[in-house]
Amino acid sequence: MVNYDNVFDALADSHRRQLLVKLLSRPQRVSKPSGISREVAEADENLLHRHLSSSRTIAEADEHSVSMHHIHLPKLAEYGFIEWDRNDDLVMQGPHFDEIRPHLKLLAENQERHRTKSPVATLRR
């Protein structure tokens, strides 16, 4: 049985949607946080959660990489939509991926339709 709360939560964030749509065709590599981003990621767990939930940023930190590794990928793995090999930084379809597949196909079709759509004709007076 499909857990729609998990499906819609997974699709609620654009970074998660983009990753999941890409997984329709093949496994994806994700980059590890490096430099200051790695230091933030390895910091005390409470400090990390406060940082990720605040509107403040840390100069030179790759917020996307940190949030992918500490929010988005763990959430998608918990829902079973992905399998995440942390050693190889590889993300693959998980055991519950088929629950989200129809929604991802719809998103992918709409993205393609918007990319190939011809410009709107202008009206002449």
N, C-alpha and C. Protein backbone atom coordinates (compact mmCIF):
# COMPACT_ATOMS: atom_id res chain seq x y z
N MET A 1 0.84 -1.18 0.00
CA MET A 1 0.00 0.00 0.00
C MET A 1 0.89 1.25 0.00
N VAL A 2 0.54 2.21 -0.83
CA VAL A 2 1.33 3.43 -0.97
C VAL A 2 1.09 4.35 0.23
N ASN A 3 2.17 4.86 0.79
CA ASN A 3 2.08 5.84 1.87
C ASN A 3 2.19 7.22 1.21
N TYR A 4 1.04 7.84 0.95
CA TYR A 4 1.03 9.12 0.24
C TYR A 4 1.64 10.24 1.05
N ASP A 5 1.62 10.17 2.37
CA ASP A 5 2.30 11.18 3.17
C ASP A 5 3.79 11.20 2.83
N ASN A 6 4.39 10.02 2.71
CA ASN A 6 5.81 9.93 2.36
C ASN A 6 6.04 10.39 0.92
N VAL A 7 5.17 10.01 0.01
CA VAL A 7 5.31 10.41 -1.39
C VAL A 7 5.30 11.92 -1.50
N PHE A 8 4.28 12.55 -0.92
CA PHE A 8 4.18 14.00 -1.05
C PHE A 8 5.25 14.74 -0.26
N ASP A 9 5.68 14.19 0.86
CA ASP A 9 6.79 14.80 1.59
C ASP A 9 8.08 14.72 0.76
N ALA A 10 8.31 13.59 0.13
CA ALA A 10 9.50 13.43 -0.70
C ALA A 10 9.49 14.41 -1.87
N LEU A 11 8.32 14.64 -2.44
CA LEU A 11 8.21 15.53 -3.61
C LEU A 11 8.11 17.01 -3.24
N ALA A 12 7.99 17.31 -1.95
CA ALA A 12 7.80 18.68 -1.50
C ALA A 12 9.03 19.56 -1.71
N ASP A 13 10.20 18.98 -1.80
CA ASP A 13 11.44 19.75 -1.94
C ASP A 13 11.99 19.59 -3.35
N SER A 14 12.40 20.68 -3.96
CA SER A 14 12.88 20.64 -5.36
C SER A 14 14.15 19.81 -5.51
N HIS A 15 15.04 19.82 -4.52
CA HIS A 15 16.27 19.02 -4.62
C HIS A 15 15.95 17.53 -4.62
N ARG A 16 15.00 17.14 -3.77
CA ARG A 16 14.59 15.74 -3.75
C ARG A 16 13.89 15.36 -5.05
N ARG A 17 13.01 16.23 -5.54
CA ARG A 17 12.31 15.94 -6.81
C ARG A 17 13.30 15.74 -7.94
N GLN A 18 14.27 16.64 -8.06
CA GLN A 18 15.26 16.55 -9.15
C GLN A 18 16.02 15.23 -9.08
N LEU A 19 16.47 14.87 -7.90
CA LEU A 19 17.21 13.61 -7.74
C LEU A 19 16.33 12.42 -8.11
N LEU A 20 15.11 12.39 -7.60
CA LEU A 20 14.22 11.26 -7.86
C LEU A 20 13.88 11.13 -9.34
N VAL A 21 13.66 12.24 -10.02
CA VAL A 21 13.37 12.19 -11.47
C VAL A 21 14.58 11.63 -12.21
N LYS A 22 15.78 12.04 -11.84
CA LYS A 22 16.99 11.51 -12.49
C LYS A 22 17.13 10.01 -12.26
N LEU A 23 16.67 9.53 -11.11
CA LEU A 23 16.77 8.10 -10.79
C LEU A 23 15.86 7.24 -11.67
N LEU A 24 14.91 7.86 -12.36
CA LEU A 24 14.06 7.11 -13.29
C LEU A 24 14.91 6.42 -14.35
N SER A 25 16.00 7.09 -14.76
CA SER A 25 16.80 6.55 -15.86
C SER A 25 18.06 5.82 -15.41
N ARG A 26 18.70 6.27 -14.31
CA ARG A 26 19.94 5.60 -13.89
C ARG A 26 20.34 6.05 -12.48
N PRO A 27 21.19 5.25 -11.82
CA PRO A 27 21.71 5.66 -10.51
C PRO A 27 22.46 7.00 -10.62
N GLN A 28 22.54 7.71 -9.52
CA GLN A 28 23.15 9.04 -9.51
C GLN A 28 24.27 9.10 -8.48
N ARG A 29 25.33 9.80 -8.84
CA ARG A 29 26.41 10.09 -7.89
C ARG A 29 26.07 11.39 -7.18
N VAL A 30 26.36 11.43 -5.90
CA VAL A 30 26.19 12.66 -5.12
C VAL A 30 27.55 13.06 -4.58
N SER A 31 27.79 14.34 -4.51
CA SER A 31 29.09 14.78 -4.03
C SER A 31 29.08 14.91 -2.52
N LYS A 32 30.20 14.54 -1.92
CA LYS A 32 30.37 14.68 -0.47
C LYS A 32 30.67 16.13 -0.15
N PRO A 33 30.22 16.58 1.01
CA PRO A 33 30.62 17.92 1.43
C PRO A 33 32.15 17.98 1.58
N SER A 34 32.74 19.10 1.19
CA SER A 34 34.18 19.26 1.33
C SER A 34 34.48 20.62 1.95
N GLY A 35 35.70 20.78 2.39
CA GLY A 35 36.13 22.05 2.98
C GLY A 35 35.27 22.43 4.17
N ILE A 36 34.83 23.68 4.18
CA ILE A 36 34.01 24.18 5.28
C ILE A 36 32.71 23.41 5.37
N SER A 37 32.16 23.01 4.23
CA SER A 37 30.91 22.24 4.23
C SER A 37 31.09 20.93 5.00
N ARG A 38 32.24 20.28 4.83
CA ARG A 38 32.51 19.04 5.55
C ARG A 38 32.61 19.32 7.05
N GLU A 39 33.26 20.43 7.41
CA GLU A 39 33.38 20.79 8.82
C GLU A 39 32.00 21.02 9.44
N VAL A 40 31.11 21.69 8.68
CA VAL A 40 29.75 21.91 9.18
C VAL A 40 29.05 20.56 9.32
N ALA A 41 29.20 19.71 8.32
CA ALA A 41 28.53 18.40 8.33
C ALA A 41 29.02 17.52 9.47
N GLU A 42 30.28 17.65 9.84
CA GLU A 42 30.86 16.82 10.89
C GLU A 42 30.73 17.45 12.27
N ALA A 43 30.16 18.64 12.32
CA ALA A 43 30.02 19.34 13.60
C ALA A 43 29.01 18.63 14.49
N ASP A 44 28.94 19.09 15.70
CA ASP A 44 27.97 18.57 16.66
C ASP A 44 26.58 18.51 16.01
N GLU A 45 25.87 17.40 16.21
CA GLU A 45 24.56 17.18 15.58
C GLU A 45 23.57 18.30 15.88
N ASN A 46 23.50 18.77 17.11
CA ASN A 46 22.57 19.84 17.46
C ASN A 46 22.92 21.13 16.74
N LEU A 47 24.21 21.43 16.67
CA LEU A 47 24.66 22.61 15.95
C LEU A 47 24.29 22.50 14.48
N LEU A 48 24.49 21.35 13.90
CA LEU A 48 24.17 21.14 12.49
C LEU A 48 22.67 21.35 12.24
N HIS A 49 21.82 20.78 13.06
CA HIS A 49 20.37 20.94 12.87
C HIS A 49 19.94 22.39 13.06
N ARG A 50 20.53 23.08 14.02
CA ARG A 50 20.22 24.51 14.19
C ARG A 50 20.63 25.29 12.96
N HIS A 51 21.81 24.98 12.43
CA HIS A 51 22.29 25.69 11.23
C HIS A 51 21.38 25.43 10.05
N LEU A 52 21.02 24.16 9.81
CA LEU A 52 20.20 23.82 8.66
C LEU A 52 18.78 24.36 8.77
N SER A 53 18.30 24.58 9.97
CA SER A 53 16.94 25.09 10.14
C SER A 53 16.90 26.61 10.24
N SER A 54 18.04 27.26 10.22
CA SER A 54 18.06 28.73 10.32
C SER A 54 18.20 29.34 8.93
N SER A 55 18.02 30.64 8.87
CA SER A 55 18.16 31.35 7.60
C SER A 55 19.59 31.86 7.42
N ARG A 56 20.44 31.65 8.42
CA ARG A 56 21.83 32.10 8.32
C ARG A 56 22.61 31.15 7.42
N THR A 57 23.64 31.68 6.80
CA THR A 57 24.51 30.85 5.99
C THR A 57 25.93 30.99 6.49
N ILE A 58 26.75 30.04 6.17
CA ILE A 58 28.17 30.10 6.50
C ILE A 58 28.92 30.36 5.21
N ALA A 59 29.74 31.40 5.21
CA ALA A 59 30.48 31.75 4.01
C ALA A 59 31.27 30.55 3.52
N GLU A 60 31.24 30.33 2.22
CA GLU A 60 31.99 29.28 1.53
C GLU A 60 31.46 27.87 1.80
N ALA A 61 30.38 27.74 2.53
CA ALA A 61 29.81 26.40 2.76
C ALA A 61 28.82 26.09 1.64
N ASP A 62 28.85 24.87 1.16
CA ASP A 62 27.93 24.41 0.13
C ASP A 62 26.68 23.89 0.83
N GLU A 63 25.72 24.79 1.01
CA GLU A 63 24.50 24.45 1.75
C GLU A 63 23.76 23.28 1.11
N HIS A 64 23.76 23.22 -0.21
CA HIS A 64 23.07 22.14 -0.92
C HIS A 64 23.67 20.79 -0.55
N SER A 65 24.98 20.69 -0.59
CA SER A 65 25.66 19.43 -0.27
C SER A 65 25.40 19.00 1.17
N VAL A 66 25.48 19.93 2.09
CA VAL A 66 25.25 19.62 3.50
C VAL A 66 23.82 19.16 3.71
N SER A 67 22.85 19.88 3.15
CA SER A 67 21.45 19.50 3.34
C SER A 67 21.11 18.20 2.63
N MET A 68 21.74 17.92 1.48
CA MET A 68 21.49 16.65 0.81
C MET A 68 21.93 15.49 1.70
N HIS A 69 23.11 15.61 2.30
CA HIS A 69 23.66 14.51 3.10
C HIS A 69 23.01 14.36 4.47
N HIS A 70 22.44 15.44 4.99
CA HIS A 70 21.91 15.37 6.35
C HIS A 70 20.40 15.49 6.44
N ILE A 71 19.75 15.83 5.34
CA ILE A 71 18.29 15.93 5.37
C ILE A 71 17.67 15.08 4.27
N HIS A 72 17.96 15.44 3.03
CA HIS A 72 17.24 14.86 1.89
C HIS A 72 17.53 13.38 1.65
N LEU A 73 18.80 13.01 1.56
CA LEU A 73 19.13 11.61 1.30
C LEU A 73 18.68 10.69 2.44
N PRO A 74 18.93 11.07 3.70
CA PRO A 74 18.44 10.20 4.79
C PRO A 74 16.91 10.04 4.77
N LYS A 75 16.19 11.12 4.46
CA LYS A 75 14.73 11.06 4.42
C LYS A 75 14.27 10.12 3.32
N LEU A 76 14.83 10.26 2.12
CA LEU A 76 14.44 9.40 1.00
C LEU A 76 14.80 7.95 1.26
N ALA A 77 15.93 7.72 1.93
CA ALA A 77 16.32 6.35 2.28
C ALA A 77 15.38 5.77 3.34
N GLU A 78 14.99 6.59 4.31
CA GLU A 78 14.06 6.14 5.36
C GLU A 78 12.72 5.73 4.74
N TYR A 79 12.26 6.47 3.73
CA TYR A 79 11.00 6.14 3.06
C TYR A 79 11.15 4.93 2.14
N GLY A 80 12.39 4.54 1.85
CA GLY A 80 12.62 3.40 0.98
C GLY A 80 12.59 3.75 -0.50
N PHE A 81 12.58 5.05 -0.82
CA PHE A 81 12.55 5.46 -2.22
C PHE A 81 13.94 5.35 -2.86
N ILE A 82 14.97 5.42 -2.02
CA ILE A 82 16.34 5.30 -2.54
C ILE A 82 17.12 4.32 -1.67
N GLU A 83 18.21 3.83 -2.25
CA GLU A 83 19.27 3.17 -1.51
C GLU A 83 20.49 4.05 -1.71
N TRP A 84 21.18 4.33 -0.62
CA TRP A 84 22.29 5.28 -0.66
C TRP A 84 23.55 4.58 -0.17
N ASP A 85 24.50 4.39 -1.08
CA ASP A 85 25.80 3.82 -0.73
C ASP A 85 26.71 5.00 -0.37
N ARG A 86 26.86 5.24 0.91
CA ARG A 86 27.64 6.39 1.39
C ARG A 86 29.12 6.27 1.05
N ASN A 87 29.64 5.04 0.96
CA ASN A 87 31.05 4.86 0.64
C ASN A 87 31.37 5.25 -0.80
N ASP A 88 30.47 4.90 -1.71
CA ASP A 88 30.68 5.21 -3.13
C ASP A 88 29.93 6.46 -3.58
N ASP A 89 29.20 7.11 -2.66
CA ASP A 89 28.38 8.28 -2.99
C ASP A 89 27.44 8.00 -4.15
N LEU A 90 26.81 6.84 -4.11
CA LEU A 90 25.93 6.41 -5.18
C LEU A 90 24.51 6.26 -4.64
N VAL A 91 23.56 6.82 -5.37
CA VAL A 91 22.15 6.73 -5.00
C VAL A 91 21.43 5.93 -6.08
N MET A 92 20.65 4.94 -5.66
CA MET A 92 19.92 4.06 -6.58
C MET A 92 18.46 3.99 -6.16
N GLN A 93 17.63 3.45 -7.02
CA GLN A 93 16.23 3.23 -6.69
C GLN A 93 16.13 2.28 -5.50
N GLY A 94 15.28 2.63 -4.55
CA GLY A 94 15.09 1.82 -3.36
C GLY A 94 13.91 0.86 -3.50
N PRO A 95 13.64 0.08 -2.44
CA PRO A 95 12.59 -0.94 -2.50
C PRO A 95 11.18 -0.38 -2.66
N HIS A 96 10.95 0.89 -2.32
CA HIS A 96 9.63 1.50 -2.47
C HIS A 96 9.58 2.52 -3.60
N PHE A 97 10.58 2.49 -4.48
CA PHE A 97 10.64 3.47 -5.58
C PHE A 97 9.40 3.38 -6.47
N ASP A 98 8.88 2.20 -6.67
CA ASP A 98 7.71 2.04 -7.54
C ASP A 98 6.48 2.80 -7.01
N GLU A 99 6.44 3.07 -5.71
CA GLU A 99 5.33 3.84 -5.14
C GLU A 99 5.34 5.29 -5.64
N ILE A 100 6.52 5.80 -5.93
CA ILE A 100 6.64 7.20 -6.32
C ILE A 100 6.83 7.35 -7.84
N ARG A 101 7.15 6.24 -8.51
CA ARG A 101 7.44 6.27 -9.95
C ARG A 101 6.37 6.98 -10.79
N PRO A 102 5.06 6.69 -10.63
CA PRO A 102 4.07 7.37 -11.49
C PRO A 102 4.09 8.88 -11.35
N HIS A 103 4.33 9.37 -10.14
CA HIS A 103 4.39 10.81 -9.90
C HIS A 103 5.63 11.41 -10.56
N LEU A 104 6.74 10.68 -10.49
CA LEU A 104 7.98 11.15 -11.10
C LEU A 104 7.86 11.17 -12.62
N LYS A 105 7.22 10.17 -13.19
CA LYS A 105 7.03 10.15 -14.65
C LYS A 105 6.19 11.34 -15.09
N LEU A 106 5.17 11.65 -14.34
CA LEU A 106 4.34 12.82 -14.65
C LEU A 106 5.16 14.10 -14.58
N LEU A 107 5.97 14.24 -13.55
CA LEU A 107 6.85 15.41 -13.43
C LEU A 107 7.82 15.49 -14.61
N ALA A 108 8.43 14.36 -14.96
CA ALA A 108 9.40 14.33 -16.05
C ALA A 108 8.72 14.69 -17.37
N GLU A 109 7.53 14.17 -17.61
CA GLU A 109 6.81 14.48 -18.85
C GLU A 109 6.48 15.97 -18.93
N ASN A 110 6.05 16.55 -17.81
CA ASN A 110 5.73 17.97 -17.79
C ASN A 110 6.97 18.83 -17.99
N GLN A 111 8.10 18.41 -17.40
CA GLN A 111 9.34 19.15 -17.60
C GLN A 111 9.72 19.14 -19.07
N GLU A 112 9.62 17.97 -19.69
CA GLU A 112 9.97 17.84 -21.11
C GLU A 112 9.02 18.66 -21.97
N ARG A 113 7.74 18.64 -21.65
CA ARG A 113 6.75 19.40 -22.42
C ARG A 113 7.05 20.89 -22.35
N HIS A 114 7.44 21.38 -21.18
CA HIS A 114 7.74 22.81 -21.03
C HIS A 114 9.03 23.18 -21.75
N ARG A 115 9.98 22.26 -21.83
CA ARG A 115 11.24 22.54 -22.54
C ARG A 115 11.02 22.63 -24.04
N THR A 116 10.14 21.79 -24.57
CA THR A 116 9.95 21.73 -26.02
C THR A 116 8.79 22.58 -26.51
N LYS A 117 8.09 23.22 -25.61
CA LYS A 117 6.93 24.04 -25.98
C LYS A 117 7.40 25.24 -26.79
N SER A 118 6.71 25.51 -27.89
CA SER A 118 7.07 26.67 -28.72
C SER A 118 6.61 27.93 -28.03
N PRO A 119 7.28 29.05 -28.32
CA PRO A 119 6.89 30.31 -27.70
C PRO A 119 5.45 30.66 -28.06
N VAL A 120 4.81 31.36 -27.16
CA VAL A 120 3.43 31.78 -27.38
C VAL A 120 3.39 32.83 -28.47
N ALA A 121 2.50 32.67 -29.43
CA ALA A 121 2.36 33.63 -30.52
C ALA A 121 1.80 34.94 -29.97
N THR A 122 2.30 36.03 -30.50
CA THR A 122 1.80 37.34 -30.07
C THR A 122 0.62 37.74 -30.96
N LEU A 123 -0.30 38.44 -30.39
CA LEU A 123 -1.48 38.90 -31.14
C LEU A 123 -1.15 40.19 -31.87
N ARG A 124 -1.63 40.30 -33.10
CA ARG A 124 -1.46 41.53 -33.87
C ARG A 124 -2.74 42.35 -33.75
N ARG A 125 -2.59 43.62 -33.74
CA ARG A 125 -3.76 44.51 -33.70
C ARG A 125 -4.00 45.13 -35.02
